C-alpha atoms as a PDB file:
ATOM      1  CA  MET A   1      -0.169  -0.460  -0.008  1.00  0.00           C
ATOM      2  CA  SER A   2       1.781   2.867  -1.360  1.00  0.00           C
ATOM      3  CA  TRP A   3      -0.028   5.103   0.059  1.00  0.00           C
ATOM      4  CA  LEU A   4       0.829   4.731   3.486  1.00  0.00           C
ATOM      5  CA  ALA A   5       3.987   6.481   3.478  1.00  0.00           C
ATOM      6  CA  PRO A   6       2.931   9.492   2.426  1.00  0.00           C
ATOM      7  CA  LEU A   7       0.121   9.727   5.151  1.00  0.00           C
ATOM      8  CA  ALA A   8       2.366   9.139   7.879  1.00  0.00           C
ATOM      9  CA  GLN A   9       4.762  11.779   6.830  1.00  0.00           C
ATOM     10  CA  ALA A  10       1.923  14.518   6.159  1.00  0.00           C
ATOM     11  CA  TRP A  11       0.978  13.272   9.824  1.00  0.00           C
ATOM     12  CA  LEU A  12       3.762  13.382  11.113  1.00  0.00           C
ATOM     13  CA  VAL A  13       4.282  17.522  10.116  1.00  0.00           C
ATOM     14  CA  ALA A  14       0.790  18.288  11.469  1.00  0.00           C
ATOM     15  CA  VAL A  15       0.963  16.202  14.204  1.00  0.00           C
ATOM     16  CA  ALA A  16       4.245  18.154  15.703  1.00  0.00           C
ATOM     17  CA  THR A  17       2.917  21.119  14.192  1.00  0.00           C
ATOM     18  CA  GLY A  18      -0.615  20.822  16.589  1.00  0.00           C
ATOM     19  CA  ILE A  19       1.566  20.022  19.425  1.00  0.00           C
ATOM     20  CA  GLY A  20       4.399  22.864  20.059  1.00  0.00           C
ATOM     21  CA  LEU A  21       1.601  25.708  20.406  1.00  0.00           C
ATOM     22  CA  PRO A  22       0.463  24.212  23.825  1.00  0.00           C
ATOM     23  CA  LEU A  23       3.771  23.269  24.594  1.00  0.00           C
ATOM     24  CA  GLY A  24       4.939  27.060  23.868  1.00  0.00           C
ATOM     25  CA  ALA A  25       1.532  27.666  25.812  1.00  0.00           C
ATOM     26  CA  LEU A  26       2.430  25.978  28.725  1.00  0.00           C
ATOM     27  CA  SER A  27       6.179  27.359  28.922  1.00  0.00           C
ATOM     28  CA  LEU A  28       4.859  30.657  28.619  1.00  0.00           C
ATOM     29  CA  LEU A  29       2.388  29.587  31.807  1.00  0.00           C
ATOM     30  CA  MET A  30       6.005  28.409  33.442  1.00  0.00           C
ATOM     31  CA  ILE A  31       7.437  31.105  32.992  1.00  0.00           C
ATOM     32  CA  HIS A  32       4.616  34.143  33.885  1.00  0.00           C
ATOM     33  CA  LYS A  33       5.044  32.012  37.206  1.00  0.00           C
ATOM     34  CA  LEU A  34       8.151  32.949  37.521  1.00  0.00           C
ATOM     35  CA  THR A  35       8.253  36.370  36.886  1.00  0.00           C
ATOM     36  CA  GLY A  36       4.915  37.845  37.335  1.00  0.00           C
ATOM     37  CA  GLY A  37       3.196  40.162  35.468  1.00  0.00           C
ATOM     38  CA  LEU A  38       0.006  41.617  34.180  1.00  0.00           C
ATOM     39  CA  TRP A  39       0.451  39.692  30.653  1.00  0.00           C
ATOM     40  CA  GLY A  40       0.108  36.902  32.255  1.00  0.00           C
ATOM     41  CA  GLU A  41      -2.924  36.721  34.176  1.00  0.00           C
ATOM     42  CA  GLU A  42      -5.053  38.479  31.268  1.00  0.00           C
ATOM     43  CA  ALA A  43      -3.405  35.774  29.234  1.00  0.00           C
ATOM     44  CA  ARG A  44      -4.040  33.060  31.959  1.00  0.00           C
ATOM     45  CA  PRO A  45      -7.552  31.700  30.900  1.00  0.00           C
ATOM     46  CA  VAL A  46      -5.653  31.505  26.887  1.00  0.00           C
ATOM     47  CA  LEU A  47      -3.007  29.458  27.742  1.00  0.00           C
ATOM     48  CA  ARG A  48      -5.162  27.425  30.096  1.00  0.00           C
ATOM     49  CA  ARG A  49      -6.817  26.154  26.959  1.00  0.00           C
ATOM     50  CA  ILE A  50      -4.679  25.635  24.573  1.00  0.00           C
ATOM     51  CA  VAL A  51      -2.401  24.122  26.667  1.00  0.00           C
ATOM     52  CA  GLY A  52      -5.854  22.459  27.246  1.00  0.00           C
ATOM     53  CA  LEU A  53      -5.071  20.645  23.899  1.00  0.00           C
ATOM     54  CA  LEU A  54      -1.631  18.983  24.708  1.00  0.00           C
ATOM     55  CA  PRO A  55      -3.421  15.793  25.868  1.00  0.00           C
ATOM     56  CA  VAL A  56      -5.027  15.547  22.192  1.00  0.00           C
ATOM     57  CA  MET A  57      -1.834  16.472  20.635  1.00  0.00           C
ATOM     58  CA  LEU A  58      -0.148  13.832  21.848  1.00  0.00           C
ATOM     59  CA  LEU A  59      -3.130  11.388  21.417  1.00  0.00           C
ATOM     60  CA  LEU A  60      -2.853  12.373  17.244  1.00  0.00           C
ATOM     61  CA  GLY A  61       0.626  11.643  17.578  1.00  0.00           C
ATOM     62  CA  LEU A  62       0.512   8.010  18.898  1.00  0.00           C
ATOM     63  CA  PRO A  63      -0.202   6.069  15.490  1.00  0.00           C
ATOM     64  CA  LEU A  64       2.715   7.567  14.303  1.00  0.00           C
ATOM     65  CA  ILE A  65       5.087   5.144  16.264  1.00  0.00           C
ATOM     66  CA  VAL A  66       4.039   2.436  14.646  1.00  0.00           C
ATOM     67  CA  ALA A  67       5.084   3.959  11.345  1.00  0.00           C
ATOM     68  CA  ILE A  68       8.608   4.666  12.047  1.00  0.00           C
ATOM     69  CA  ASP A  69       9.604   2.172   9.644  1.00  0.00           C
ATOM     70  CA  LEU A  70       7.389   4.670   6.812  1.00  0.00           C
ATOM     71  CA  LEU A  71       9.364   7.743   8.888  1.00  0.00           C
ATOM     72  CA  LEU A  72      12.749   6.916   8.593  1.00  0.00           C
ATOM     73  CA  PRO A  73      13.478   3.996   6.738  1.00  0.00           C
ATOM     74  CA  PHE A  74      17.755   4.323   6.800  1.00  0.00           C
ATOM     75  CA  LEU A  75      17.029   2.588  10.069  1.00  0.00           C
ATOM     76  CA  THR A  76      15.843  -1.008   8.342  1.00  0.00           C
ATOM     77  CA  GLN A  77      18.847  -0.774   5.532  1.00  0.00           C
ATOM     78  CA  ALA A  78      22.921  -2.338   6.558  1.00  0.00           C
ATOM     79  CA  PRO A  79      24.606   0.669   7.639  1.00  0.00           C
ATOM     80  CA  ASP A  80      27.778  -0.954   5.324  1.00  0.00           C
ATOM     81  CA  THR A  81      25.474   0.823   2.724  1.00  0.00           C
ATOM     82  CA  LEU A  82      24.429   4.110   4.558  1.00  0.00           C
ATOM     83  CA  PRO A  83      26.681   7.250   4.855  1.00  0.00           C
ATOM     84  CA  SER A  84      29.232   7.123   8.082  1.00  0.00           C
ATOM     85  CA  ARG A  85      27.177  10.370   9.805  1.00  0.00           C
ATOM     86  CA  ALA A  86      23.723   7.902   8.952  1.00  0.00           C
ATOM     87  CA  ALA A  87      25.253   4.804  10.229  1.00  0.00           C
ATOM     88  CA  ALA A  88      26.596   6.228  13.255  1.00  0.00           C
ATOM     89  CA  LYS A  89      22.961   7.527  14.212  1.00  0.00           C
ATOM     90  CA  LEU A  90      21.826   3.526  14.254  1.00  0.00           C
ATOM     91  CA  GLY A  91      23.058   3.098  17.581  1.00  0.00           C
ATOM     92  CA  TYR A  92      20.731   5.708  19.330  1.00  0.00           C
ATOM     93  CA  LEU A  93      17.909   5.304  16.829  1.00  0.00           C
ATOM     94  CA  GLN A  94      16.971   1.836  17.426  1.00  0.00           C
ATOM     95  CA  PRO A  95      12.495   2.152  16.556  1.00  0.00           C
ATOM     96  CA  ALA A  96      12.632   0.403  20.387  1.00  0.00           C
ATOM     97  CA  TRP A  97      13.791   3.390  22.254  1.00  0.00           C
ATOM     98  CA  ILE A  98      12.109   6.213  20.037  1.00  0.00           C
ATOM     99  CA  VAL A  99       9.105   3.944  21.412  1.00  0.00           C
ATOM    100  CA  VAL A 100      10.232   4.348  25.292  1.00  0.00           C
ATOM    101  CA  ARG A 101      11.457   7.496  24.761  1.00  0.00           C
ATOM    102  CA  THR A 102       8.564   9.311  23.201  1.00  0.00           C
ATOM    103  CA  ILE A 103       6.237   7.627  26.046  1.00  0.00           C
ATOM    104  CA  VAL A 104       8.940   8.940  28.822  1.00  0.00           C
ATOM    105  CA  VAL A 105       8.861  12.469  26.723  1.00  0.00           C
ATOM    106  CA  ALA A 106       4.867  12.455  26.921  1.00  0.00           C
ATOM    107  CA  GLY A 107       4.763  11.762  30.580  1.00  0.00           C
ATOM    108  CA  ALA A 108       7.098  14.566  31.714  1.00  0.00           C
ATOM    109  CA  TRP A 109       5.212  16.766  29.978  1.00  0.00           C
ATOM    110  CA  MET A 110       1.651  15.786  31.092  1.00  0.00           C
ATOM    111  CA  ALA A 111       3.288  15.344  34.828  1.00  0.00           C
ATOM    112  CA  ALA A 112       4.411  18.683  34.025  1.00  0.00           C
ATOM    113  CA  LEU A 113       1.446  19.762  32.727  1.00  0.00           C
ATOM    114  CA  GLN A 114      -0.059  19.131  35.968  1.00  0.00           C
ATOM    115  CA  LEU A 115       2.569  20.356  38.359  1.00  0.00           C
ATOM    116  CA  TYR A 116       3.544  23.336  37.034  1.00  0.00           C
ATOM    117  CA  ASP A 117       1.008  25.620  38.771  1.00  0.00           C
ATOM    118  CA  ARG A 118       2.186  24.994  42.784  1.00  0.00           C
ATOM    119  CA  SER A 119       4.909  26.763  43.035  1.00  0.00           C
ATOM    120  CA  ARG A 120       7.871  28.014  41.570  1.00  0.00           C
ATOM    121  CA  VAL A 121       9.898  25.398  41.775  1.00  0.00           C
ATOM    122  CA  TRP A 122       8.028  23.224  39.995  1.00  0.00           C
ATOM    123  CA  SER A 123       7.694  25.640  37.807  1.00  0.00           C
ATOM    124  CA  ILE A 124      11.306  25.267  37.105  1.00  0.00           C
ATOM    125  CA  LEU A 125      11.267  22.200  37.110  1.00  0.00           C
ATOM    126  CA  GLY A 126       8.252  22.179  34.734  1.00  0.00           C
ATOM    127  CA  LEU A 127      10.428  23.702  32.168  1.00  0.00           C
ATOM    128  CA  ILE A 128      13.494  21.816  32.640  1.00  0.00           C
ATOM    129  CA  VAL A 129      11.291  18.850  31.818  1.00  0.00           C
ATOM    130  CA  TYR A 130      10.169  20.614  28.558  1.00  0.00           C
ATOM    131  CA  MET A 131      13.301  21.556  27.136  1.00  0.00           C
ATOM    132  CA  LEU A 132      14.589  18.268  27.624  1.00  0.00           C
ATOM    133  CA  GLY A 133      11.728  16.212  26.149  1.00  0.00           C
ATOM    134  CA  LEU A 134      12.323  18.232  23.588  1.00  0.00           C
ATOM    135  CA  THR A 135      15.166  17.611  23.098  1.00  0.00           C
ATOM    136  CA  ALA A 136      14.608  14.059  22.652  1.00  0.00           C
ATOM    137  CA  PHE A 137      11.344  14.642  20.667  1.00  0.00           C
ATOM    138  CA  THR A 138      13.580  16.375  18.022  1.00  0.00           C
ATOM    139  CA  THR A 139      16.217  14.734  17.443  1.00  0.00           C
ATOM    140  CA  ASP A 140      14.131  11.177  16.816  1.00  0.00           C
ATOM    141  CA  TRP A 141      10.504  12.772  15.029  1.00  0.00           C
ATOM    142  CA  MET A 142      12.819  15.852  13.659  1.00  0.00           C
ATOM    143  CA  GLN A 143      15.791  15.430  13.047  1.00  0.00           C
ATOM    144  CA  ALA A 144      16.493  11.945  12.073  1.00  0.00           C
ATOM    145  CA  LEU A 145      14.171  12.405   8.880  1.00  0.00           C
ATOM    146  CA  ASP A 146      17.231  14.479   7.260  1.00  0.00           C
ATOM    147  CA  PRO A 147      20.019  10.927   8.487  1.00  0.00           C
ATOM    148  CA  THR A 148      23.323  13.054   7.213  1.00  0.00           C
ATOM    149  CA  TYR A 149      21.654  16.336   9.509  1.00  0.00           C
ATOM    150  CA  TYR A 150      22.709  17.700  13.500  1.00  0.00           C
ATOM    151  CA  SER A 151      23.015  20.995  14.997  1.00  0.00           C
ATOM    152  CA  THR A 152      22.434  20.818  18.364  1.00  0.00           C
ATOM    153  CA  ILE A 153      20.602  24.481  18.467  1.00  0.00           C
ATOM    154  CA  TYR A 154      17.986  23.062  16.144  1.00  0.00           C
ATOM    155  CA  PRO A 155      15.604  21.757  19.806  1.00  0.00           C
ATOM    156  CA  VAL A 156      16.530  26.071  20.626  1.00  0.00           C
ATOM    157  CA  GLU A 157      14.988  26.887  17.623  1.00  0.00           C
ATOM    158  CA  VAL A 158      12.140  25.212  17.622  1.00  0.00           C
ATOM    159  CA  ALA A 159      11.155  25.330  20.867  1.00  0.00           C
ATOM    160  CA  GLY A 160      11.396  29.393  20.361  1.00  0.00           C
ATOM    161  CA  ALA A 161       9.229  29.002  17.031  1.00  0.00           C
ATOM    162  CA  GLN A 162       6.723  26.865  19.636  1.00  0.00           C
ATOM    163  CA  ILE A 163       6.906  30.236  21.956  1.00  0.00           C
ATOM    164  CA  LEU A 164       6.143  32.808  18.973  1.00  0.00           C
ATOM    165  CA  GLY A 165       3.469  30.398  18.241  1.00  0.00           C
ATOM    166  CA  ALA A 166       1.968  30.207  20.986  1.00  0.00           C
ATOM    167  CA  MET A 167       2.649  33.916  22.289  1.00  0.00           C
ATOM    168  CA  ALA A 168       1.193  35.041  18.538  1.00  0.00           C
ATOM    169  CA  LEU A 169      -2.064  33.030  19.102  1.00  0.00           C
ATOM    170  CA  THR A 170      -2.763  34.012  22.596  1.00  0.00           C
ATOM    171  CA  VAL A 171      -2.756  37.838  21.334  1.00  0.00           C
ATOM    172  CA  ALA A 172      -5.695  36.529  19.126  1.00  0.00           C
ATOM    173  CA  LEU A 173      -7.507  35.087  21.043  1.00  0.00           C
ATOM    174  CA  VAL A 174      -7.082  37.958  24.536  1.00  0.00           C
ATOM    175  CA  PRO A 175     -10.169  40.196  25.205  1.00  0.00           C
ATOM    176  CA  VAL A 176     -10.321  43.332  23.376  1.00  0.00           C
ATOM    177  CA  ASP A 177      -9.710  44.780  26.865  1.00  0.00           C
ATOM    178  CA  ALA A 178      -6.941  43.730  28.175  1.00  0.00           C
ATOM    179  CA  LYS A 179      -4.095  45.961  29.747  1.00  0.00           C
ATOM    180  CA  GLY A 180      -0.787  43.965  29.299  1.00  0.00           C
ATOM    181  CA  ASP A 181       1.874  44.418  26.943  1.00  0.00           C
ATOM    182  CA  PHE A 182       1.152  41.890  24.639  1.00  0.00           C
ATOM    183  CA  GLY A 183       3.029  44.202  21.510  1.00  0.00           C
ATOM    184  CA  LYS A 184       6.035  44.428  23.340  1.00  0.00           C
ATOM    185  CA  LEU A 185       5.529  40.528  24.239  1.00  0.00           C
ATOM    186  CA  LEU A 186       5.650  39.069  21.214  1.00  0.00           C
ATOM    187  CA  LEU A 187       7.869  41.960  19.227  1.00  0.00           C
ATOM    188  CA  ALA A 188      10.231  40.164  21.979  1.00  0.00           C
ATOM    189  CA  ALA A 189       8.975  36.397  20.997  1.00  0.00           C
ATOM    190  CA  LEU A 190       9.882  37.057  17.144  1.00  0.00           C
ATOM    191  CA  ILE A 191      13.203  38.650  18.307  1.00  0.00           C
ATOM    192  CA  SER A 192      14.304  35.151  20.139  1.00  0.00           C
ATOM    193  CA  TRP A 193      13.224  33.015  17.556  1.00  0.00           C
ATOM    194  CA  ALA A 194      14.974  35.207  14.444  1.00  0.00           C
ATOM    195  CA  TYR A 195      17.815  34.976  16.590  1.00  0.00           C
ATOM    196  CA  PHE A 196      17.679  30.881  17.045  1.00  0.00           C
ATOM    197  CA  ALA A 197      17.037  30.361  13.324  1.00  0.00           C
ATOM    198  CA  ALA A 198      19.626  32.907  12.282  1.00  0.00           C
ATOM    199  CA  MET A 199      22.205  31.538  14.882  1.00  0.00           C
ATOM    200  CA  GLN A 200      21.497  27.618  13.434  1.00  0.00           C
ATOM    201  CA  TRP A 201      22.519  29.540  10.052  1.00  0.00           C
ATOM    202  CA  VAL A 202      26.043  31.705   9.804  1.00  0.00           C
ATOM    203  CA  ILE A 203      27.281  27.749  12.452  1.00  0.00           C
ATOM    204  CA  SER A 204      26.262  25.913   9.487  1.00  0.00           C
ATOM    205  CA  TRP A 205      27.615  28.755   6.449  1.00  0.00           C
ATOM    206  CA  MET A 206      30.493  29.795   8.680  1.00  0.00           C
ATOM    207  CA  GLY A 207      31.325  26.223   9.205  1.00  0.00           C
ATOM    208  CA  ASN A 208      31.131  25.281   5.615  1.00  0.00           C
ATOM    209  CA  LEU A 209      29.416  21.999   6.640  1.00  0.00           C
ATOM    210  CA  PRO A 210      28.203  19.665   4.068  1.00  0.00           C
ATOM    211  CA  ASP A 211      25.414  18.061   5.555  1.00  0.00           C
ATOM    212  CA  GLU A 212      24.335  21.255   6.971  1.00  0.00           C
ATOM    213  CA  ALA A 213      24.646  22.991   4.029  1.00  0.00           C
ATOM    214  CA  ALA A 214      22.591  20.197   2.274  1.00  0.00           C
ATOM    215  CA  TRP A 215      19.520  20.491   4.592  1.00  0.00           C
ATOM    216  CA  TYR A 216      19.189  23.835   3.701  1.00  0.00           C
ATOM    217  CA  LEU A 217      19.305  23.759  -0.287  1.00  0.00           C
ATOM    218  CA  LYS A 218      16.980  21.407  -0.365  1.00  0.00           C
ATOM    219  CA  ARG A 219      14.176  23.701   1.978  1.00  0.00           C
ATOM    220  CA  SER A 220      15.003  26.470  -0.508  1.00  0.00           C
ATOM    221  CA  ALA A 221      15.477  24.985  -3.842  1.00  0.00           C
ATOM    222  CA  GLY A 222      12.177  25.031  -5.822  1.00  0.00           C
ATOM    223  CA  TRP A 223       8.567  25.716  -4.746  1.00  0.00           C
ATOM    224  CA  TRP A 224      10.141  25.245  -0.686  1.00  0.00           C
ATOM    225  CA  GLY A 225      12.565  28.667  -1.616  1.00  0.00           C
ATOM    226  CA  ALA A 226       9.209  29.869  -2.442  1.00  0.00           C
ATOM    227  CA  LEU A 227       7.178  28.510   0.734  1.00  0.00           C
ATOM    228  CA  LEU A 228      10.433  30.036   2.559  1.00  0.00           C
ATOM    229  CA  MET A 229      10.080  33.638   1.034  1.00  0.00           C
ATOM    230  CA  ILE A 230       6.278  33.149   2.490  1.00  0.00           C
ATOM    231  CA  MET A 231       6.586  32.244   5.749  1.00  0.00           C
ATOM    232  CA  LEU A 232       9.385  34.609   6.609  1.00  0.00           C
ATOM    233  CA  MET A 233       7.193  37.810   5.204  1.00  0.00           C
ATOM    234  CA  LEU A 234       4.068  35.874   7.212  1.00  0.00           C
ATOM    235  CA  ILE A 235       6.323  34.655  11.252  1.00  0.00           C
ATOM    236  CA  GLY A 236       9.188  37.344  10.061  1.00  0.00           C
ATOM    237  CA  ILE A 237       9.348  40.799   8.299  1.00  0.00           C
ATOM    238  CA  VAL A 238       5.995  41.926   8.268  1.00  0.00           C
ATOM    239  CA  PRO A 239       5.084  41.215  11.840  1.00  0.00           C
ATOM    240  CA  PHE A 240       8.656  42.658  12.433  1.00  0.00           C
ATOM    241  CA  PHE A 241       8.435  46.014  10.773  1.00  0.00           C
ATOM    242  CA  ALA A 242       4.187  46.208  11.861  1.00  0.00           C
ATOM    243  CA  LEU A 243       5.615  45.508  15.555  1.00  0.00           C
ATOM    244  CA  LEU A 244       8.137  49.228  15.652  1.00  0.00           C
ATOM    245  CA  ARG A 245       4.525  50.854  15.144  1.00  0.00           C
ATOM    246  CA  ARG A 246       3.844  52.161  18.743  1.00  0.00           C
ATOM    247  CA  ASP A 247      -0.363  52.553  17.854  1.00  0.00           C
ATOM    248  CA  VAL A 248       0.150  48.402  16.356  1.00  0.00           C
ATOM    249  CA  ARG A 249       2.161  47.446  19.543  1.00  0.00           C
ATOM    250  CA  GLN A 250      -0.092  49.415  22.375  1.00  0.00           C
ATOM    251  CA  ASN A 251      -3.856  48.773  19.983  1.00  0.00           C
ATOM    252  CA  LEU A 252      -5.697  45.131  20.984  1.00  0.00           C
ATOM    253  CA  ASP A 253      -7.815  45.002  17.683  1.00  0.00           C
ATOM    254  CA  ARG A 254      -4.364  46.370  14.737  1.00  0.00           C
ATOM    255  CA  LEU A 255      -2.298  43.743  16.409  1.00  0.00           C
ATOM    256  CA  ARG A 256      -4.253  40.975  16.792  1.00  0.00           C
ATOM    257  CA  PRO A 257      -4.380  41.302  13.048  1.00  0.00           C
ATOM    258  CA  VAL A 258      -0.493  41.153  12.454  1.00  0.00           C
ATOM    259  CA  ALA A 259      -0.704  37.968  15.862  1.00  0.00           C
ATOM    260  CA  SER A 260      -2.858  35.760  13.256  1.00  0.00           C
ATOM    261  CA  LEU A 261       0.203  36.491  10.762  1.00  0.00           C
ATOM    262  CA  VAL A 262       2.480  35.105  12.618  1.00  0.00           C
ATOM    263  CA  VAL A 263       0.145  32.052  13.379  1.00  0.00           C
ATOM    264  CA  ALA A 264      -0.361  31.691   9.772  1.00  0.00           C
ATOM    265  CA  GLY A 265       4.165  31.429   9.621  1.00  0.00           C
ATOM    266  CA  TYR A 266       4.561  29.185  12.306  1.00  0.00           C
ATOM    267  CA  VAL A 267       1.880  26.713  10.658  1.00  0.00           C
ATOM    268  CA  LEU A 268       4.866  27.379   7.507  1.00  0.00           C
ATOM    269  CA  GLU A 269       7.498  27.568   9.456  1.00  0.00           C
ATOM    270  CA  HIS A 270       7.318  23.528  10.224  1.00  0.00           C
ATOM    271  CA  VAL A 271       5.523  22.548   6.849  1.00  0.00           C
ATOM    272  CA  TRP A 272       8.914  23.943   5.464  1.00  0.00           C
ATOM    273  CA  ARG A 273      11.340  22.700   8.271  1.00  0.00           C
ATOM    274  CA  LEU A 274      10.107  18.923   7.729  1.00  0.00           C
ATOM    275  CA  ALA A 275       8.087  18.689   5.096  1.00  0.00           C
ATOM    276  CA  PRO A 276      11.097  18.654   2.428  1.00  0.00           C
ATOM    277  CA  ALA A 277      12.852  15.535   4.146  1.00  0.00           C
ATOM    278  CA  PHE A 278      10.344  14.157   2.416  1.00  0.00           C
ATOM    279  CA  ALA A 279       9.938  13.506  -1.375  1.00  0.00           C
ATOM    280  CA  PRO A 280       6.768  15.951  -2.584  1.00  0.00           C
ATOM    281  CA  ASP A 281       3.408  14.311  -1.771  1.00  0.00           C
ATOM    282  CA  PRO A 282      -0.573  16.603  -1.790  1.00  0.00           C
ATOM    283  CA  LEU A 283      -1.375  14.772   0.797  1.00  0.00           C
ATOM    284  CA  ILE A 284       0.916  17.105   3.686  1.00  0.00           C
ATOM    285  CA  LEU A 285      -0.817  19.841   3.229  1.00  0.00           C
ATOM    286  CA  PRO A 286      -4.151  18.356   4.106  1.00  0.00           C
ATOM    287  CA  ALA A 287      -3.119  16.902   6.585  1.00  0.00           C
ATOM    288  CA  VAL A 288      -1.485  19.562   8.362  1.00  0.00           C
ATOM    289  CA  VAL A 289      -5.083  21.755   7.285  1.00  0.00           C
ATOM    290  CA  ALA A 290      -7.054  18.735   9.123  1.00  0.00           C
ATOM    291  CA  VAL A 291      -4.977  18.853  12.896  1.00  0.00           C
ATOM    292  CA  GLY A 292      -5.071  22.458  11.712  1.00  0.00           C
ATOM    293  CA  ALA A 293      -8.584  22.389  12.292  1.00  0.00           C
ATOM    294  CA  VAL A 294      -9.261  19.652  15.053  1.00  0.00           C
ATOM    295  CA  PHE A 295      -7.040  21.647  16.944  1.00  0.00           C
ATOM    296  CA  TYR A 296      -9.107  25.145  16.262  1.00  0.00           C
ATOM    297  CA  TRP A 297     -12.265  22.784  16.461  1.00  0.00           C
ATOM    298  CA  ALA A 298     -10.990  22.150  20.618  1.00  0.00           C
ATOM    299  CA  LEU A 299     -10.061  25.220  21.058  1.00  0.00           C
ATOM    300  CA  ILE A 300     -13.150  26.792  20.427  1.00  0.00           C
ATOM    301  CA  GLY A 301     -15.259  24.006  22.336  1.00  0.00           C
ATOM    302  CA  ARG A 302     -13.064  24.514  25.216  1.00  0.00           C
ATOM    303  CA  THR A 303     -13.798  28.222  24.482  1.00  0.00           C
ATOM    304  CA  ARG A 304     -17.185  28.260  24.910  1.00  0.00           C
ATOM    305  CA  ARG A 305     -17.798  25.787  27.168  1.00  0.00           C
ATOM    306  CA  LEU A 306     -15.577  27.409  29.912  1.00  0.00           C
ATOM    307  CA  GLU A 307     -17.720  31.058  29.020  1.00  0.00           C
ATOM    308  CA  ALA A 308     -20.585  29.197  29.710  1.00  0.00           C
ATOM    309  CA  ARG A 309     -19.773  28.167  32.988  1.00  0.00           C
ATOM    310  CA  HIS A 310     -18.986  32.077  33.811  1.00  0.00           C
ATOM    311  CA  VAL A 311     -22.791  33.581  32.778  1.00  0.00           C
END
């Protein structure tokens, strides 16, 4: 059944995109627990609704466990037929251990979700668990898609994108009478993500690393290069210059369209990051849209139920 591989690949892209928003929202809640601030008090109801979707996204990822061989076909090849860098990963990327690590990471993230609000100490531990879990998750399910590629800053860049996406979604949903300085916070999150992304590129360029260069070349060729330009406009360039204006930063009615652009750019960033590892297939984008629709439906449903309890 030749359609199973592209379907699994598309589903991975969709799940990785969807799971990033509740993880980013959880990080924001833990950061606010440590720093305080009006923004967090006003954003807490929205952030908690987004975080509440983490179990849904983890469940949506279960089918990926049985599709490891379809997603990482090099694991079944003889080591002497692989590039040396890919062969060196076979000891770590054993399918059974990928499953074990994924289950442990999912459990750790759920524990952080339940415990972070108890104290500042639990929030500190939660942030550590978030980053360690993300390192394992991105190594197993994202970087491994390109067997010869590896970057130590990769998990940090993904974390920056998740936090930026969650902040933008929060700004788009926070009540219009909120007084928090959401414009500056969104700008700070955008600059942080841009810095991490630029550092990954600069390190690869300055180091003259062929395998890392191949990763970027694959994602800048053909229509992937066009997607890259669109993504950069949505998640970075247009929002950045818009957020330099005080009248945009301080007016939620004007800020929300900017935040919506960033959310769209966040989705395209994950598609651009992951999908080029596979042969182009029309199933990828529909799968991302499908999971996004589930995410949106669940978020709106939780929002309405919460509002109903407060009527």
